[in-house]
Amino acid sequence: MKGVLLLSGGIDSPIAGTMMLERGLDLALLHMDNRPFTDDREYAKLLGLVKLLREKAGRELEAYAAPHGLAAQAIVAKSCDRHFHCVLCRRFMLRTAEALARKVGADCIVTGESLGQVASQTLKNILAEDGATTLPVLRPLIGLDKSEVVERARKLGTFEVSTAPGLCCTIVPEKPATAASLSRILAEEAKLDIAAIIEAEMAGMKRLE
């Protein structure tokens, strides 16, 4: 079995990936590159995490980076409701991960989300986000406390890389929605050419050595 791991430069997703590797799941790593709304330091952290995960797996896990800034720019350009930006952004991540999964023969998507940790990870928002993909989304950290994840990251050796300086997303709304309804999300997505955005992200996707 194989999954696509949505790998950010943060603490959580490398641990989620490691847990699934330990359960015997093969992984393709996918980073959603959010430049210009972040900076090159986040990309540098990604490369360090890819190296560590490959060392953990003991093999050359395939890894990719998709130009996710395209989706973020479209969400802003079409004046989608600012409160829903995080949920809309997450749905595009899942769609691109599913498109890659179809390409590489993966059966599921793996994320580093844990329940209630940030606005996009409330139960209602997770339900709204999952509707964007037909693949199962595995969240091995869903019930873990942040301190547990940090402890695992320190043991794995990813903590120092994940916490290195970098610019977080600069378009996160001041008051993100925490209880998005699917009907409202679909109304916002009606403003967007979803297929064209995913096609552009896939066309711009790079395989990382």
Foldseek 3Di string as FASTA:
>chain_A
DEAEQADWLALFRLVQVLVVVVVVYAYEYEYEDQPPQWDVLRVVLVVVSQVLSCVSNVHNHWYKYFPLVLVLVQLVVLCQPLQASVLSSLLLVQLLRVVVCVVVVHQAYEYRAADPPDLCRDPQNVVLSVVSDPGHYHHVCHHPDPVVSLVVCVVSVSNVSSPPDIGDGNSRDPNHHNRDHNVSVVVSCVSDPSVVSSVNRVVRMDIDD
